[in-house]
Amino acid sequence: GYWRANVRIIIGCLVVWAVVSLGFAII
């Protein structure tokens, strides 16, 4: 459960990172 929650946080951060860096700045 701890690992699942940790991976959810990481995936959420990566999605925000991708949207901001790729989405807003380039696409």
PDB file of all heavy atoms in Angstrom:
ATOM      1  N   GLY A   1       0.821  -1.209   0.000  1.00  0.00           N
ATOM      2  CA  GLY A   1       0.000   0.000   0.000  1.00  0.00           C
ATOM      3  C   GLY A   1       0.851   1.254   0.000  1.00  0.00           C
ATOM      4  O   GLY A   1       0.545   2.225  -0.696  1.00  0.00           O
ATOM      5  N   TYR A   2       1.922   1.220   0.776  1.00  0.00           N
ATOM      6  CA  TYR A   2       2.852   2.346   0.829  1.00  0.00           C
ATOM      7  C   TYR A   2       3.470   2.577  -0.549  1.00  0.00           C
ATOM      8  O   TYR A   2       3.531   3.695  -1.043  1.00  0.00           O
ATOM      9  CB  TYR A   2       3.937   2.079   1.869  1.00  0.00           C
ATOM     10  CG  TYR A   2       4.991   3.146   1.964  1.00  0.00           C
ATOM     11  CD1 TYR A   2       4.752   4.322   2.669  1.00  0.00           C
ATOM     12  CD2 TYR A   2       6.232   2.987   1.359  1.00  0.00           C
ATOM     13  CE1 TYR A   2       5.721   5.313   2.767  1.00  0.00           C
ATOM     14  CE2 TYR A   2       7.205   3.960   1.447  1.00  0.00           C
ATOM     15  CZ  TYR A   2       6.944   5.120   2.155  1.00  0.00           C
ATOM     16  OH  TYR A   2       7.896   6.091   2.253  1.00  0.00           O
ATOM     17  N   TRP A   3       3.934   1.488  -1.172  1.00  0.00           N
ATOM     18  CA  TRP A   3       4.570   1.607  -2.485  1.00  0.00           C
ATOM     19  C   TRP A   3       3.571   2.086  -3.531  1.00  0.00           C
ATOM     20  O   TRP A   3       3.896   2.918  -4.380  1.00  0.00           O
ATOM     21  CB  TRP A   3       5.181   0.280  -2.886  1.00  0.00           C
ATOM     22  CG  TRP A   3       5.890   0.345  -4.192  1.00  0.00           C
ATOM     23  CD1 TRP A   3       5.548  -0.304  -5.331  1.00  0.00           C
ATOM     24  CD2 TRP A   3       7.047   1.123  -4.517  1.00  0.00           C
ATOM     25  NE1 TRP A   3       6.414   0.010  -6.342  1.00  0.00           N
ATOM     26  CE2 TRP A   3       7.351   0.891  -5.871  1.00  0.00           C
ATOM     27  CE3 TRP A   3       7.855   1.993  -3.798  1.00  0.00           C
ATOM     28  CZ2 TRP A   3       8.419   1.494  -6.508  1.00  0.00           C
ATOM     29  CZ3 TRP A   3       8.909   2.592  -4.440  1.00  0.00           C
ATOM     30  CH2 TRP A   3       9.183   2.344  -5.778  1.00  0.00           C
ATOM     31  N   ARG A   4       2.333   1.565  -3.489  1.00  0.00           N
ATOM     32  CA  ARG A   4       1.301   1.991  -4.435  1.00  0.00           C
ATOM     33  C   ARG A   4       1.035   3.489  -4.309  1.00  0.00           C
ATOM     34  O   ARG A   4       0.928   4.206  -5.308  1.00  0.00           O
ATOM     35  CB  ARG A   4       0.012   1.201  -4.190  1.00  0.00           C
ATOM     36  CG  ARG A   4      -0.506   0.518  -5.428  1.00  0.00           C
ATOM     37  CD  ARG A   4      -1.755  -0.289  -5.168  1.00  0.00           C
ATOM     38  NE  ARG A   4      -1.390  -1.535  -4.515  1.00  0.00           N
ATOM     39  CZ  ARG A   4      -1.893  -1.966  -3.354  1.00  0.00           C
ATOM     40  NH1 ARG A   4      -2.831  -1.312  -2.744  1.00  0.00           N
ATOM     41  NH2 ARG A   4      -1.482  -3.081  -2.814  1.00  0.00           N
ATOM     42  N   ALA A   5       0.917   3.963  -3.078  1.00  0.00           N
ATOM     43  CA  ALA A   5       0.672   5.392  -2.850  1.00  0.00           C
ATOM     44  C   ALA A   5       1.859   6.229  -3.327  1.00  0.00           C
ATOM     45  O   ALA A   5       1.683   7.297  -3.919  1.00  0.00           O
ATOM     46  CB  ALA A   5       0.395   5.642  -1.373  1.00  0.00           C
ATOM     47  N   ASN A   6       3.063   5.737  -3.101  1.00  0.00           N
ATOM     48  CA  ASN A   6       4.270   6.430  -3.543  1.00  0.00           C
ATOM     49  C   ASN A   6       4.299   6.527  -5.065  1.00  0.00           C
ATOM     50  O   ASN A   6       4.569   7.596  -5.629  1.00  0.00           O
ATOM     51  CB  ASN A   6       5.500   5.680  -3.030  1.00  0.00           C
ATOM     52  CG  ASN A   6       6.805   6.398  -3.338  1.00  0.00           C
ATOM     53  OD1 ASN A   6       6.817   7.497  -3.850  1.00  0.00           O
ATOM     54  ND2 ASN A   6       7.896   5.751  -3.026  1.00  0.00           N
ATOM     55  N   VAL A   7       3.984   5.443  -5.741  1.00  0.00           N
ATOM     56  CA  VAL A   7       3.981   5.446  -7.216  1.00  0.00           C
ATOM     57  C   VAL A   7       2.901   6.384  -7.743  1.00  0.00           C
ATOM     58  O   VAL A   7       3.123   7.088  -8.736  1.00  0.00           O
ATOM     59  CB  VAL A   7       3.809   4.003  -7.760  1.00  0.00           C
ATOM     60  CG1 VAL A   7       3.539   4.006  -9.242  1.00  0.00           C
ATOM     61  CG2 VAL A   7       5.047   3.181  -7.443  1.00  0.00           C
ATOM     62  N   ARG A   8       1.751   6.443  -7.072  1.00  0.00           N
ATOM     63  CA  ARG A   8       0.690   7.382  -7.495  1.00  0.00           C
ATOM     64  C   ARG A   8       1.183   8.821  -7.416  1.00  0.00           C
ATOM     65  O   ARG A   8       0.922   9.628  -8.320  1.00  0.00           O
ATOM     66  CB  ARG A   8      -0.550   7.211  -6.619  1.00  0.00           C
ATOM     67  CG  ARG A   8      -1.609   6.342  -7.229  1.00  0.00           C
ATOM     68  CD  ARG A   8      -2.932   6.478  -6.513  1.00  0.00           C
ATOM     69  NE  ARG A   8      -2.840   6.395  -5.069  1.00  0.00           N
ATOM     70  CZ  ARG A   8      -2.981   5.278  -4.353  1.00  0.00           C
ATOM     71  NH1 ARG A   8      -3.213   4.141  -4.949  1.00  0.00           N
ATOM     72  NH2 ARG A   8      -2.883   5.292  -3.040  1.00  0.00           N
ATOM     73  N   ILE A   9       1.890   9.163  -6.355  1.00  0.00           N
ATOM     74  CA  ILE A   9       2.423  10.523  -6.198  1.00  0.00           C
ATOM     75  C   ILE A   9       3.444  10.807  -7.301  1.00  0.00           C
ATOM     76  O   ILE A   9       3.425  11.874  -7.924  1.00  0.00           O
ATOM     77  CB  ILE A   9       3.050  10.714  -4.803  1.00  0.00           C
ATOM     78  CG1 ILE A   9       1.977  10.626  -3.726  1.00  0.00           C
ATOM     79  CG2 ILE A   9       3.793  12.041  -4.718  1.00  0.00           C
ATOM     80  CD1 ILE A   9       2.530  10.530  -2.314  1.00  0.00           C
ATOM     81  N   ILE A  10       4.321   9.853  -7.564  1.00  0.00           N
ATOM     82  CA  ILE A  10       5.350  10.028  -8.600  1.00  0.00           C
ATOM     83  C   ILE A  10       4.703  10.209  -9.968  1.00  0.00           C
ATOM     84  O   ILE A  10       5.072  11.110 -10.732  1.00  0.00           O
ATOM     85  CB  ILE A  10       6.324   8.835  -8.605  1.00  0.00           C
ATOM     86  CG1 ILE A  10       7.171   8.844  -7.339  1.00  0.00           C
ATOM     87  CG2 ILE A  10       7.214   8.856  -9.839  1.00  0.00           C
ATOM     88  CD1 ILE A  10       7.994   7.590  -7.138  1.00  0.00           C
ATOM     89  N   ILE A  11       3.714   9.372 -10.291  1.00  0.00           N
ATOM     90  CA  ILE A  11       3.043   9.478 -11.590  1.00  0.00           C
ATOM     91  C   ILE A  11       2.331  10.831 -11.714  1.00  0.00           C
ATOM     92  O   ILE A  11       2.390  11.481 -12.755  1.00  0.00           O
ATOM     93  CB  ILE A  11       2.076   8.302 -11.805  1.00  0.00           C
ATOM     94  CG1 ILE A  11       2.885   7.021 -12.035  1.00  0.00           C
ATOM     95  CG2 ILE A  11       1.140   8.564 -12.979  1.00  0.00           C
ATOM     96  CD1 ILE A  11       2.049   5.760 -12.078  1.00  0.00           C
ATOM     97  N   GLY A  12       1.687  11.273 -10.646  1.00  0.00           N
ATOM     98  CA  GLY A  12       1.039  12.579 -10.668  1.00  0.00           C
ATOM     99  C   GLY A  12       2.026  13.703 -10.932  1.00  0.00           C
ATOM    100  O   GLY A  12       1.766  14.602 -11.742  1.00  0.00           O
ATOM    101  N   CYS A  13       3.179  13.650 -10.277  1.00  0.00           N
ATOM    102  CA  CYS A  13       4.210  14.672 -10.497  1.00  0.00           C
ATOM    103  C   CYS A  13       4.741  14.619 -11.930  1.00  0.00           C
ATOM    104  O   CYS A  13       4.969  15.659 -12.552  1.00  0.00           O
ATOM    105  CB  CYS A  13       5.354  14.492  -9.504  1.00  0.00           C
ATOM    106  SG  CYS A  13       4.942  14.947  -7.814  1.00  0.00           S
ATOM    107  N   LEU A  14       4.931  13.410 -12.451  1.00  0.00           N
ATOM    108  CA  LEU A  14       5.415  13.279 -13.823  1.00  0.00           C
ATOM    109  C   LEU A  14       4.401  13.801 -14.836  1.00  0.00           C
ATOM    110  O   LEU A  14       4.784  14.403 -15.848  1.00  0.00           O
ATOM    111  CB  LEU A  14       5.767  11.824 -14.127  1.00  0.00           C
ATOM    112  CG  LEU A  14       7.048  11.312 -13.483  1.00  0.00           C
ATOM    113  CD1 LEU A  14       7.207   9.819 -13.737  1.00  0.00           C
ATOM    114  CD2 LEU A  14       8.259  12.073 -13.985  1.00  0.00           C
ATOM    115  N   VAL A  15       3.126  13.595 -14.576  1.00  0.00           N
ATOM    116  CA  VAL A  15       2.087  14.106 -15.474  1.00  0.00           C
ATOM    117  C   VAL A  15       2.105  15.633 -15.480  1.00  0.00           C
ATOM    118  O   VAL A  15       2.064  16.262 -16.542  1.00  0.00           O
ATOM    119  CB  VAL A  15       0.699  13.553 -15.087  1.00  0.00           C
ATOM    120  CG1 VAL A  15      -0.417  14.321 -15.773  1.00  0.00           C
ATOM    121  CG2 VAL A  15       0.610  12.070 -15.411  1.00  0.00           C
ATOM    122  N   VAL A  16       2.195  16.240 -14.295  1.00  0.00           N
ATOM    123  CA  VAL A  16       2.260  17.706 -14.215  1.00  0.00           C
ATOM    124  C   VAL A  16       3.503  18.200 -14.942  1.00  0.00           C
ATOM    125  O   VAL A  16       3.454  19.165 -15.714  1.00  0.00           O
ATOM    126  CB  VAL A  16       2.237  18.182 -12.744  1.00  0.00           C
ATOM    127  CG1 VAL A  16       2.552  19.664 -12.648  1.00  0.00           C
ATOM    128  CG2 VAL A  16       0.899  17.870 -12.111  1.00  0.00           C
ATOM    129  N   TRP A  17       4.634  17.544 -14.713  1.00  0.00           N
ATOM    130  CA  TRP A  17       5.879  17.924 -15.374  1.00  0.00           C
ATOM    131  C   TRP A  17       5.732  17.856 -16.892  1.00  0.00           C
ATOM    132  O   TRP A  17       6.139  18.766 -17.602  1.00  0.00           O
ATOM    133  CB  TRP A  17       7.006  17.005 -14.899  1.00  0.00           C
ATOM    134  CG  TRP A  17       8.247  17.102 -15.720  1.00  0.00           C
ATOM    135  CD1 TRP A  17       9.180  18.098 -15.692  1.00  0.00           C
ATOM    136  CD2 TRP A  17       8.670  16.182 -16.721  1.00  0.00           C
ATOM    137  NE1 TRP A  17      10.167  17.844 -16.607  1.00  0.00           N
ATOM    138  CE2 TRP A  17       9.879  16.666 -17.249  1.00  0.00           C
ATOM    139  CE3 TRP A  17       8.161  14.993 -17.213  1.00  0.00           C
ATOM    140  CZ2 TRP A  17      10.569  16.006 -18.244  1.00  0.00           C
ATOM    141  CZ3 TRP A  17       8.856  14.334 -18.208  1.00  0.00           C
ATOM    142  CH2 TRP A  17      10.045  14.847 -18.710  1.00  0.00           C
ATOM    143  N   ALA A  18       5.143  16.763 -17.408  1.00  0.00           N
ATOM    144  CA  ALA A  18       4.991  16.601 -18.852  1.00  0.00           C
ATOM    145  C   ALA A  18       4.040  17.637 -19.440  1.00  0.00           C
ATOM    146  O   ALA A  18       4.306  18.199 -20.506  1.00  0.00           O
ATOM    147  CB  ALA A  18       4.500  15.184 -19.163  1.00  0.00           C
ATOM    148  N   VAL A  19       2.937  17.905 -18.744  1.00  0.00           N
ATOM    149  CA  VAL A  19       1.968  18.878 -19.249  1.00  0.00           C
ATOM    150  C   VAL A  19       2.598  20.268 -19.323  1.00  0.00           C
ATOM    151  O   VAL A  19       2.441  20.975 -20.312  1.00  0.00           O
ATOM    152  CB  VAL A  19       0.694  18.885 -18.375  1.00  0.00           C
ATOM    153  CG1 VAL A  19      -0.174  20.090 -18.667  1.00  0.00           C
ATOM    154  CG2 VAL A  19      -0.092  17.602 -18.586  1.00  0.00           C
ATOM    155  N   VAL A  20       3.336  20.634 -18.287  1.00  0.00           N
ATOM    156  CA  VAL A  20       3.926  21.981 -18.264  1.00  0.00           C
ATOM    157  C   VAL A  20       5.079  22.092 -19.259  1.00  0.00           C
ATOM    158  O   VAL A  20       5.133  23.024 -20.052  1.00  0.00           O
ATOM    159  CB  VAL A  20       4.390  22.352 -16.839  1.00  0.00           C
ATOM    160  CG1 VAL A  20       5.231  23.612 -16.842  1.00  0.00           C
ATOM    161  CG2 VAL A  20       3.196  22.515 -15.931  1.00  0.00           C
ATOM    162  N   SER A  21       6.004  21.135 -19.228  1.00  0.00           N
ATOM    163  CA  SER A  21       7.196  21.279 -20.072  1.00  0.00           C
ATOM    164  C   SER A  21       6.909  20.959 -21.531  1.00  0.00           C
ATOM    165  O   SER A  21       7.365  21.681 -22.420  1.00  0.00           O
ATOM    166  CB  SER A  21       8.326  20.399 -19.558  1.00  0.00           C
ATOM    167  OG  SER A  21       7.970  19.037 -19.657  1.00  0.00           O
ATOM    168  N   LEU A  22       6.176  19.900 -21.802  1.00  0.00           N
ATOM    169  CA  LEU A  22       5.865  19.557 -23.189  1.00  0.00           C
ATOM    170  C   LEU A  22       4.596  20.238 -23.677  1.00  0.00           C
ATOM    171  O   LEU A  22       4.581  20.810 -24.761  1.00  0.00           O
ATOM    172  CB  LEU A  22       5.702  18.043 -23.332  1.00  0.00           C
ATOM    173  CG  LEU A  22       6.981  17.251 -23.451  1.00  0.00           C
ATOM    174  CD1 LEU A  22       6.688  15.760 -23.415  1.00  0.00           C
ATOM    175  CD2 LEU A  22       7.699  17.598 -24.733  1.00  0.00           C
ATOM    176  N   GLY A  23       3.564  20.144 -22.868  1.00  0.00           N
ATOM    177  CA  GLY A  23       2.267  20.664 -23.289  1.00  0.00           C
ATOM    178  C   GLY A  23       2.248  22.160 -23.486  1.00  0.00           C
ATOM    179  O   GLY A  23       2.051  22.650 -24.600  1.00  0.00           O
ATOM    180  N   PHE A  24       2.437  22.902 -22.404  1.00  0.00           N
ATOM    181  CA  PHE A  24       2.331  24.360 -22.477  1.00  0.00           C
ATOM    182  C   PHE A  24       3.476  24.992 -23.248  1.00  0.00           C
ATOM    183  O   PHE A  24       3.279  25.927 -24.006  1.00  0.00           O
ATOM    184  CB  PHE A  24       2.266  24.971 -21.081  1.00  0.00           C
ATOM    185  CG  PHE A  24       0.993  24.686 -20.347  1.00  0.00           C
ATOM    186  CD1 PHE A  24       0.996  24.524 -18.970  1.00  0.00           C
ATOM    187  CD2 PHE A  24      -0.211  24.573 -21.011  1.00  0.00           C
ATOM    188  CE1 PHE A  24      -0.178  24.268 -18.282  1.00  0.00           C
ATOM    189  CE2 PHE A  24      -1.388  24.315 -20.333  1.00  0.00           C
ATOM    190  CZ  PHE A  24      -1.362  24.164 -18.963  1.00  0.00           C
ATOM    191  N   ALA A  25       4.702  24.511 -23.047  1.00  0.00           N
ATOM    192  CA  ALA A  25       5.861  25.177 -23.627  1.00  0.00           C
ATOM    193  C   ALA A  25       6.102  24.820 -25.085  1.00  0.00           C
ATOM    194  O   ALA A  25       6.688  25.612 -25.817  1.00  0.00           O
ATOM    195  CB  ALA A  25       7.104  24.845 -22.810  1.00  0.00           C
ATOM    196  N   ILE A  26       5.651  23.643 -25.537  1.00  0.00           N
ATOM    197  CA  ILE A  26       5.971  23.218 -26.902  1.00  0.00           C
ATOM    198  C   ILE A  26       4.715  22.946 -27.732  1.00  0.00           C
ATOM    199  O   ILE A  26       4.511  23.549 -28.783  1.00  0.00           O
ATOM    200  CB  ILE A  26       6.881  21.967 -26.885  1.00  0.00           C
ATOM    201  CG1 ILE A  26       8.211  22.306 -26.215  1.00  0.00           C
ATOM    202  CG2 ILE A  26       7.114  21.441 -28.289  1.00  0.00           C
ATOM    203  CD1 ILE A  26       9.101  21.123 -25.944  1.00  0.00           C
ATOM    204  N   ILE A  27       3.868  22.032 -27.272  1.00  0.00           N
ATOM    205  CA  ILE A  27       2.762  21.545 -28.103  1.00  0.00           C
ATOM    206  C   ILE A  27       1.681  22.604 -28.305  1.00  0.00           C
ATOM    207  O   ILE A  27       1.267  22.862 -29.437  1.00  0.00           O
ATOM    208  CB  ILE A  27       2.179  20.244 -27.510  1.00  0.00           C
ATOM    209  CG1 ILE A  27       3.250  19.143 -27.542  1.00  0.00           C
ATOM    210  CG2 ILE A  27       0.938  19.803 -28.274  1.00  0.00           C
ATOM    211  CD1 ILE A  27       2.872  17.877 -26.829  1.00  0.00           C
TER     212      ILE A  27
END
